[in-house]
Amino acid sequence: MLPVSGFYEWREVKGVKYPYYIQLAEKDYFSLGSMYDTWMNRETGEIRNTFSIITTPANPLMEKIHNLKKRMPLILSQQDEMNWLDPGLKPEHIKELIKPFPDSQMTAYTISRAASNARNNRDVPEILEKVEYAELLEADNTLF
């Protein structure tokens, strides 16, 4: 389980990617379902601590944002967090926990493209400031 205050995802419109910041509407932090492992690199002997975030099919909000792969991270409800950490959890119960989080409990907004560039310092509060893109407003108002 990975505690976060939000996460980034990119939406592609006409070949251009736009970064979004996604969070829960009424929670300052929440947990993403993840798996953790420690392993040793056989060539160097280096011990590595790694994790992977579990994904689920996208809910309607995330389908719009993550519109190419239509997936989202597994967001655990508060009541499911302790179940996720239970080492005795049976596979059938794990499958029950892996489901899209309700989009009605989430919010999302576009942020600076600086969030897309790994050479930028993205660990600054300004990266989360809302940025509106006219081309997205136009795309959202176009009927398909």
N, C-alpha and C. Protein backbone atom coordinates (compact mmCIF):
# COMPACT_ATOMS: atom_id res chain seq x y z
N MET A 1 0.85 -1.16 0.00
CA MET A 1 0.00 0.00 0.00
C MET A 1 0.90 1.23 0.00
N LEU A 2 0.58 2.21 -0.83
CA LEU A 2 1.38 3.41 -0.97
C LEU A 2 0.52 4.63 -0.64
N PRO A 3 0.81 5.34 0.45
CA PRO A 3 0.03 6.55 0.77
C PRO A 3 0.44 7.71 -0.13
N VAL A 4 -0.55 8.42 -0.67
CA VAL A 4 -0.31 9.56 -1.56
C VAL A 4 -1.34 10.65 -1.29
N SER A 5 -1.03 11.86 -1.75
CA SER A 5 -2.02 12.94 -1.71
C SER A 5 -2.68 13.12 -3.07
N GLY A 6 -2.10 12.53 -4.09
CA GLY A 6 -2.64 12.61 -5.44
C GLY A 6 -1.66 11.95 -6.40
N PHE A 7 -2.01 11.95 -7.69
CA PHE A 7 -1.12 11.38 -8.70
C PHE A 7 -1.31 12.10 -10.02
N TYR A 8 -0.34 11.95 -10.90
CA TYR A 8 -0.37 12.58 -12.22
C TYR A 8 -0.80 11.57 -13.26
N GLU A 9 -1.49 12.07 -14.27
CA GLU A 9 -1.80 11.26 -15.44
C GLU A 9 -1.90 12.20 -16.62
N TRP A 10 -1.68 11.67 -17.83
CA TRP A 10 -1.67 12.49 -19.02
C TRP A 10 -2.81 12.09 -19.96
N ARG A 11 -3.40 13.10 -20.55
CA ARG A 11 -4.47 12.93 -21.52
C ARG A 11 -3.93 13.35 -22.89
N GLU A 12 -4.19 12.55 -23.90
CA GLU A 12 -3.73 12.91 -25.23
C GLU A 12 -4.91 13.42 -26.06
N VAL A 13 -4.70 14.59 -26.65
CA VAL A 13 -5.70 15.19 -27.54
C VAL A 13 -4.96 15.67 -28.78
N LYS A 14 -5.33 15.13 -29.92
CA LYS A 14 -4.72 15.49 -31.21
C LYS A 14 -3.20 15.40 -31.16
N GLY A 15 -2.69 14.34 -30.55
CA GLY A 15 -1.26 14.10 -30.53
C GLY A 15 -0.47 14.88 -29.48
N VAL A 16 -1.16 15.67 -28.67
CA VAL A 16 -0.50 16.46 -27.63
C VAL A 16 -0.94 15.93 -26.27
N LYS A 17 0.03 15.78 -25.34
CA LYS A 17 -0.29 15.28 -24.00
C LYS A 17 -0.42 16.43 -23.01
N TYR A 18 -1.46 16.32 -22.16
CA TYR A 18 -1.75 17.33 -21.15
C TYR A 18 -1.73 16.66 -19.78
N PRO A 19 -0.92 17.19 -18.85
CA PRO A 19 -0.84 16.58 -17.52
C PRO A 19 -2.00 17.00 -16.62
N TYR A 20 -2.49 16.04 -15.85
CA TYR A 20 -3.55 16.26 -14.87
C TYR A 20 -3.04 15.86 -13.49
N TYR A 21 -3.58 16.51 -12.50
CA TYR A 21 -3.36 16.10 -11.12
C TYR A 21 -4.69 15.56 -10.61
N ILE A 22 -4.67 14.34 -10.10
CA ILE A 22 -5.89 13.66 -9.65
C ILE A 22 -5.79 13.39 -8.16
N GLN A 23 -6.88 13.65 -7.45
CA GLN A 23 -6.92 13.40 -6.01
C GLN A 23 -8.34 13.03 -5.60
N LEU A 24 -8.50 12.68 -4.35
CA LEU A 24 -9.83 12.39 -3.85
C LEU A 24 -10.50 13.68 -3.43
N ALA A 25 -11.80 13.75 -3.62
CA ALA A 25 -12.54 14.98 -3.36
C ALA A 25 -12.56 15.37 -1.89
N GLU A 26 -12.66 14.41 -1.00
CA GLU A 26 -12.83 14.75 0.41
C GLU A 26 -11.78 14.14 1.33
N LYS A 27 -10.63 13.81 0.78
CA LYS A 27 -9.55 13.23 1.59
C LYS A 27 -8.24 13.91 1.22
N ASP A 28 -7.43 14.22 2.22
CA ASP A 28 -6.13 14.82 1.96
C ASP A 28 -5.11 13.80 1.45
N TYR A 29 -5.29 12.56 1.85
CA TYR A 29 -4.41 11.50 1.38
C TYR A 29 -5.23 10.22 1.25
N PHE A 30 -4.67 9.27 0.51
CA PHE A 30 -5.33 7.99 0.29
C PHE A 30 -4.26 6.97 -0.06
N SER A 31 -4.65 5.75 -0.25
CA SER A 31 -3.69 4.68 -0.51
C SER A 31 -3.90 4.04 -1.87
N LEU A 32 -2.78 3.82 -2.54
CA LEU A 32 -2.79 3.07 -3.80
C LEU A 32 -2.38 1.63 -3.50
N GLY A 33 -3.07 0.69 -4.10
CA GLY A 33 -2.69 -0.70 -3.95
C GLY A 33 -1.38 -0.95 -4.66
N SER A 34 -0.44 -1.55 -3.95
CA SER A 34 0.86 -1.80 -4.55
C SER A 34 1.45 -3.09 -3.98
N MET A 35 2.52 -3.54 -4.63
CA MET A 35 3.26 -4.70 -4.17
C MET A 35 4.71 -4.27 -3.97
N TYR A 36 5.35 -4.78 -2.94
CA TYR A 36 6.70 -4.43 -2.57
C TYR A 36 7.56 -5.68 -2.59
N ASP A 37 8.81 -5.51 -3.01
CA ASP A 37 9.71 -6.66 -3.00
C ASP A 37 11.14 -6.17 -2.80
N THR A 38 11.94 -6.98 -2.16
CA THR A 38 13.37 -6.76 -2.03
C THR A 38 14.06 -7.87 -2.79
N TRP A 39 15.02 -7.51 -3.65
CA TRP A 39 15.72 -8.52 -4.41
C TRP A 39 17.17 -8.10 -4.59
N MET A 40 18.00 -9.05 -4.99
CA MET A 40 19.42 -8.77 -5.18
C MET A 40 19.78 -8.88 -6.65
N ASN A 41 20.50 -7.87 -7.14
CA ASN A 41 21.02 -7.91 -8.50
C ASN A 41 22.15 -8.94 -8.51
N ARG A 42 21.99 -10.00 -9.27
CA ARG A 42 22.96 -11.11 -9.27
C ARG A 42 24.33 -10.69 -9.81
N GLU A 43 24.34 -9.69 -10.68
CA GLU A 43 25.62 -9.26 -11.25
C GLU A 43 26.41 -8.38 -10.30
N THR A 44 25.71 -7.48 -9.58
CA THR A 44 26.43 -6.52 -8.72
C THR A 44 26.33 -6.84 -7.24
N GLY A 45 25.38 -7.68 -6.86
CA GLY A 45 25.17 -7.97 -5.44
C GLY A 45 24.38 -6.89 -4.73
N GLU A 46 23.98 -5.85 -5.46
CA GLU A 46 23.23 -4.74 -4.87
C GLU A 46 21.83 -5.20 -4.46
N ILE A 47 21.42 -4.81 -3.25
CA ILE A 47 20.07 -5.10 -2.77
C ILE A 47 19.16 -3.99 -3.26
N ARG A 48 18.04 -4.36 -3.86
CA ARG A 48 17.09 -3.39 -4.42
C ARG A 48 15.75 -3.53 -3.71
N ASN A 49 15.20 -2.41 -3.27
CA ASN A 49 13.85 -2.35 -2.73
C ASN A 49 12.98 -1.74 -3.81
N THR A 50 11.99 -2.47 -4.28
CA THR A 50 11.17 -2.00 -5.40
C THR A 50 9.69 -2.17 -5.08
N PHE A 51 8.85 -1.43 -5.81
CA PHE A 51 7.41 -1.62 -5.68
C PHE A 51 6.76 -1.36 -7.03
N SER A 52 5.58 -1.90 -7.18
CA SER A 52 4.76 -1.68 -8.37
C SER A 52 3.37 -1.29 -7.92
N ILE A 53 2.79 -0.33 -8.61
CA ILE A 53 1.42 0.08 -8.32
C ILE A 53 0.48 -0.77 -9.18
N ILE A 54 -0.53 -1.33 -8.54
CA ILE A 54 -1.53 -2.15 -9.24
C ILE A 54 -2.47 -1.21 -10.00
N THR A 55 -2.88 -1.62 -11.19
CA THR A 55 -3.84 -0.83 -11.96
C THR A 55 -5.14 -1.62 -12.16
N THR A 56 -6.19 -0.87 -12.46
CA THR A 56 -7.50 -1.43 -12.74
C THR A 56 -8.02 -0.79 -14.04
N PRO A 57 -9.10 -1.30 -14.59
CA PRO A 57 -9.74 -0.56 -15.69
C PRO A 57 -10.16 0.82 -15.19
N ALA A 58 -10.17 1.79 -16.06
CA ALA A 58 -10.48 3.17 -15.69
C ALA A 58 -11.96 3.34 -15.38
N ASN A 59 -12.25 4.22 -14.42
CA ASN A 59 -13.63 4.66 -14.20
C ASN A 59 -13.91 5.75 -15.25
N PRO A 60 -15.13 6.29 -15.36
CA PRO A 60 -15.42 7.28 -16.41
C PRO A 60 -14.51 8.52 -16.39
N LEU A 61 -14.18 9.03 -15.22
CA LEU A 61 -13.28 10.19 -15.16
C LEU A 61 -11.90 9.84 -15.72
N MET A 62 -11.38 8.71 -15.30
CA MET A 62 -10.04 8.32 -15.74
C MET A 62 -10.02 7.86 -17.19
N GLU A 63 -11.15 7.37 -17.72
CA GLU A 63 -11.23 7.04 -19.15
C GLU A 63 -11.01 8.29 -19.99
N LYS A 64 -11.55 9.41 -19.53
CA LYS A 64 -11.39 10.67 -20.26
C LYS A 64 -9.94 11.15 -20.20
N ILE A 65 -9.31 11.01 -19.03
CA ILE A 65 -7.94 11.50 -18.86
C ILE A 65 -6.94 10.51 -19.45
N HIS A 66 -6.96 9.30 -19.00
CA HIS A 66 -6.01 8.29 -19.49
C HIS A 66 -6.65 7.59 -20.68
N ASN A 67 -6.91 8.40 -21.71
CA ASN A 67 -7.79 8.01 -22.80
C ASN A 67 -7.19 7.04 -23.82
N LEU A 68 -5.92 6.73 -23.72
CA LEU A 68 -5.35 5.75 -24.65
C LEU A 68 -5.35 4.35 -24.06
N LYS A 69 -4.89 4.22 -22.83
CA LYS A 69 -4.82 2.89 -22.22
C LYS A 69 -6.00 2.59 -21.31
N LYS A 70 -6.75 3.61 -20.95
CA LYS A 70 -7.98 3.46 -20.15
C LYS A 70 -7.78 2.59 -18.91
N ARG A 71 -6.80 3.00 -18.11
CA ARG A 71 -6.56 2.32 -16.85
C ARG A 71 -6.30 3.38 -15.78
N MET A 72 -6.27 2.92 -14.54
CA MET A 72 -6.02 3.83 -13.42
C MET A 72 -5.36 3.05 -12.29
N PRO A 73 -4.69 3.75 -11.38
CA PRO A 73 -4.13 3.03 -10.24
C PRO A 73 -5.24 2.51 -9.34
N LEU A 74 -4.95 1.43 -8.67
CA LEU A 74 -5.90 0.89 -7.70
C LEU A 74 -5.93 1.81 -6.48
N ILE A 75 -7.05 2.47 -6.27
CA ILE A 75 -7.24 3.32 -5.09
C ILE A 75 -8.04 2.50 -4.09
N LEU A 76 -7.46 2.34 -2.92
CA LEU A 76 -8.11 1.54 -1.88
C LEU A 76 -9.01 2.42 -1.03
N SER A 77 -10.21 1.96 -0.78
CA SER A 77 -11.08 2.67 0.17
C SER A 77 -10.48 2.52 1.56
N GLN A 78 -10.86 3.39 2.46
CA GLN A 78 -10.31 3.34 3.81
C GLN A 78 -10.58 1.98 4.47
N GLN A 79 -11.76 1.43 4.24
CA GLN A 79 -12.08 0.14 4.84
C GLN A 79 -11.32 -1.02 4.19
N ASP A 80 -10.84 -0.85 2.95
CA ASP A 80 -10.09 -1.91 2.28
C ASP A 80 -8.59 -1.87 2.58
N GLU A 81 -8.10 -0.78 3.14
CA GLU A 81 -6.66 -0.65 3.38
C GLU A 81 -6.12 -1.76 4.28
N MET A 82 -6.76 -2.04 5.38
CA MET A 82 -6.27 -3.07 6.29
C MET A 82 -6.38 -4.47 5.66
N ASN A 83 -7.42 -4.70 4.87
CA ASN A 83 -7.54 -5.98 4.16
C ASN A 83 -6.36 -6.17 3.20
N TRP A 84 -5.97 -5.10 2.50
CA TRP A 84 -4.88 -5.17 1.54
C TRP A 84 -3.57 -5.60 2.22
N LEU A 85 -3.38 -5.16 3.46
CA LEU A 85 -2.14 -5.46 4.18
C LEU A 85 -2.15 -6.83 4.87
N ASP A 86 -3.28 -7.51 4.87
CA ASP A 86 -3.40 -8.80 5.54
C ASP A 86 -2.61 -9.86 4.79
N PRO A 87 -1.52 -10.41 5.38
CA PRO A 87 -0.72 -11.42 4.68
C PRO A 87 -1.49 -12.72 4.42
N GLY A 88 -2.58 -12.94 5.12
CA GLY A 88 -3.37 -14.14 4.92
C GLY A 88 -4.51 -13.96 3.93
N LEU A 89 -4.56 -12.82 3.26
CA LEU A 89 -5.64 -12.55 2.31
C LEU A 89 -5.61 -13.56 1.17
N LYS A 90 -6.74 -14.18 0.93
CA LYS A 90 -6.85 -15.21 -0.09
C LYS A 90 -6.97 -14.57 -1.49
N PRO A 91 -6.47 -15.26 -2.52
CA PRO A 91 -6.52 -14.71 -3.89
C PRO A 91 -7.90 -14.23 -4.32
N GLU A 92 -8.95 -14.96 -3.96
CA GLU A 92 -10.29 -14.52 -4.37
C GLU A 92 -10.70 -13.21 -3.70
N HIS A 93 -10.20 -12.96 -2.50
CA HIS A 93 -10.49 -11.71 -1.81
C HIS A 93 -9.64 -10.56 -2.37
N ILE A 94 -8.43 -10.87 -2.81
CA ILE A 94 -7.59 -9.86 -3.47
C ILE A 94 -8.30 -9.39 -4.73
N LYS A 95 -8.84 -10.32 -5.51
CA LYS A 95 -9.55 -9.96 -6.75
C LYS A 95 -10.74 -9.05 -6.47
N GLU A 96 -11.42 -9.26 -5.34
CA GLU A 96 -12.56 -8.42 -4.98
C GLU A 96 -12.13 -6.98 -4.67
N LEU A 97 -10.91 -6.79 -4.21
CA LEU A 97 -10.41 -5.45 -3.88
C LEU A 97 -9.95 -4.68 -5.12
N ILE A 98 -9.63 -5.40 -6.18
CA ILE A 98 -9.09 -4.75 -7.38
C ILE A 98 -10.24 -4.34 -8.30
N LYS A 99 -10.67 -3.11 -8.10
CA LYS A 99 -11.80 -2.57 -8.87
C LYS A 99 -11.62 -1.06 -9.00
N PRO A 100 -12.22 -0.45 -10.03
CA PRO A 100 -12.11 1.00 -10.18
C PRO A 100 -12.73 1.74 -8.99
N PHE A 101 -12.09 2.79 -8.56
CA PHE A 101 -12.60 3.64 -7.49
C PHE A 101 -13.71 4.51 -8.07
N PRO A 102 -14.76 4.83 -7.32
CA PRO A 102 -15.85 5.65 -7.86
C PRO A 102 -15.38 7.05 -8.27
N ASP A 103 -15.65 7.41 -9.52
CA ASP A 103 -15.22 8.73 -10.00
C ASP A 103 -15.94 9.87 -9.30
N SER A 104 -17.09 9.61 -8.72
CA SER A 104 -17.83 10.65 -7.99
C SER A 104 -17.07 11.13 -6.75
N GLN A 105 -16.08 10.36 -6.31
CA GLN A 105 -15.29 10.72 -5.13
C GLN A 105 -13.91 11.27 -5.50
N MET A 106 -13.72 11.58 -6.79
CA MET A 106 -12.41 12.05 -7.26
C MET A 106 -12.53 13.42 -7.92
N THR A 107 -11.43 14.15 -7.93
CA THR A 107 -11.35 15.41 -8.67
C THR A 107 -10.07 15.39 -9.50
N ALA A 108 -10.07 16.18 -10.58
CA ALA A 108 -8.89 16.25 -11.44
C ALA A 108 -8.86 17.62 -12.11
N TYR A 109 -7.66 18.12 -12.35
CA TYR A 109 -7.49 19.37 -13.08
C TYR A 109 -6.15 19.35 -13.79
N THR A 110 -6.05 20.16 -14.86
CA THR A 110 -4.82 20.22 -15.62
C THR A 110 -3.80 21.08 -14.88
N ILE A 111 -2.52 20.69 -15.06
CA ILE A 111 -1.40 21.39 -14.43
C ILE A 111 -0.36 21.73 -15.51
N SER A 112 0.70 22.37 -15.09
CA SER A 112 1.75 22.81 -16.01
C SER A 112 2.41 21.63 -16.72
N ARG A 113 2.79 21.85 -17.96
CA ARG A 113 3.53 20.84 -18.71
C ARG A 113 4.91 20.60 -18.10
N ALA A 114 5.33 21.47 -17.20
CA ALA A 114 6.61 21.26 -16.50
C ALA A 114 6.59 19.92 -15.75
N ALA A 115 5.41 19.44 -15.41
CA ALA A 115 5.29 18.15 -14.72
C ALA A 115 5.70 16.99 -15.62
N SER A 116 5.75 17.21 -16.92
CA SER A 116 6.08 16.15 -17.87
C SER A 116 7.58 16.02 -18.11
N ASN A 117 8.35 17.00 -17.68
CA ASN A 117 9.77 17.02 -17.98
C ASN A 117 10.58 16.58 -16.76
N ALA A 118 11.22 15.43 -16.85
CA ALA A 118 11.99 14.89 -15.73
C ALA A 118 13.20 15.75 -15.39
N ARG A 119 13.62 16.62 -16.29
CA ARG A 119 14.75 17.51 -16.00
C ARG A 119 14.34 18.67 -15.10
N ASN A 120 13.05 18.92 -15.01
CA ASN A 120 12.55 19.98 -14.12
C ASN A 120 12.45 19.46 -12.70
N ASN A 121 12.60 20.36 -11.75
CA ASN A 121 12.34 19.99 -10.36
C ASN A 121 10.82 19.98 -10.19
N ARG A 122 10.27 18.79 -10.11
CA ARG A 122 8.81 18.66 -10.00
C ARG A 122 8.38 18.54 -8.55
N ASP A 123 9.31 18.60 -7.65
CA ASP A 123 9.01 18.48 -6.22
C ASP A 123 8.85 19.87 -5.60
N VAL A 124 8.01 20.68 -6.24
CA VAL A 124 7.72 22.03 -5.75
C VAL A 124 6.20 22.23 -5.75
N PRO A 125 5.67 22.98 -4.80
CA PRO A 125 4.21 23.17 -4.72
C PRO A 125 3.61 23.79 -5.99
N GLU A 126 4.37 24.63 -6.68
CA GLU A 126 3.85 25.32 -7.87
C GLU A 126 3.45 24.36 -8.98
N ILE A 127 4.04 23.17 -8.98
CA ILE A 127 3.74 22.20 -10.04
C ILE A 127 2.26 21.78 -10.00
N LEU A 128 1.62 21.94 -8.84
CA LEU A 128 0.22 21.53 -8.69
C LEU A 128 -0.78 22.65 -8.98
N GLU A 129 -0.28 23.83 -9.37
CA GLU A 129 -1.20 24.92 -9.69
C GLU A 129 -1.98 24.61 -10.96
N LYS A 130 -3.25 24.97 -10.94
CA LYS A 130 -4.14 24.71 -12.07
C LYS A 130 -3.73 25.56 -13.28
N VAL A 131 -3.69 24.92 -14.44
CA VAL A 131 -3.41 25.59 -15.71
C VAL A 131 -4.52 25.19 -16.67
N GLU A 132 -5.13 26.17 -17.31
CA GLU A 132 -6.17 25.86 -18.29
C GLU A 132 -5.58 25.94 -19.69
N TYR A 133 -5.97 25.00 -20.52
CA TYR A 133 -5.51 24.93 -21.90
C TYR A 133 -6.71 25.15 -22.81
N ALA A 134 -6.68 26.22 -23.61
CA ALA A 134 -7.79 26.57 -24.49
C ALA A 134 -8.13 25.41 -25.43
N GLU A 135 -7.10 24.73 -25.92
CA GLU A 135 -7.35 23.64 -26.86
C GLU A 135 -8.10 22.47 -26.22
N LEU A 136 -7.96 22.27 -24.91
CA LEU A 136 -8.74 21.23 -24.22
C LEU A 136 -10.19 21.66 -24.07
N LEU A 137 -10.40 22.92 -23.74
CA LEU A 137 -11.77 23.42 -23.64
C LEU A 137 -12.48 23.27 -24.97
N GLU A 138 -11.77 23.58 -26.05
CA GLU A 138 -12.34 23.43 -27.39
C GLU A 138 -12.63 21.96 -27.70
N ALA A 139 -11.70 21.08 -27.37
CA ALA A 139 -11.89 19.65 -27.63
C ALA A 139 -13.05 19.09 -26.82
N ASP A 140 -13.23 19.56 -25.58
CA ASP A 140 -14.31 19.07 -24.74
C ASP A 140 -15.67 19.57 -25.21
N ASN A 141 -15.69 20.68 -25.93
CA ASN A 141 -16.95 21.23 -26.41
C ASN A 141 -17.29 20.76 -27.82
N THR A 142 -16.42 19.94 -28.41
CA THR A 142 -16.66 19.42 -29.75
C THR A 142 -17.42 18.11 -29.66
N LEU A 143 -18.46 18.00 -30.44
CA LEU A 143 -19.21 16.74 -30.49
C LEU A 143 -18.49 15.77 -31.41
N PHE A 144 -18.46 14.51 -31.01
CA PHE A 144 -17.79 13.50 -31.83
C PHE A 144 -18.74 12.88 -32.80
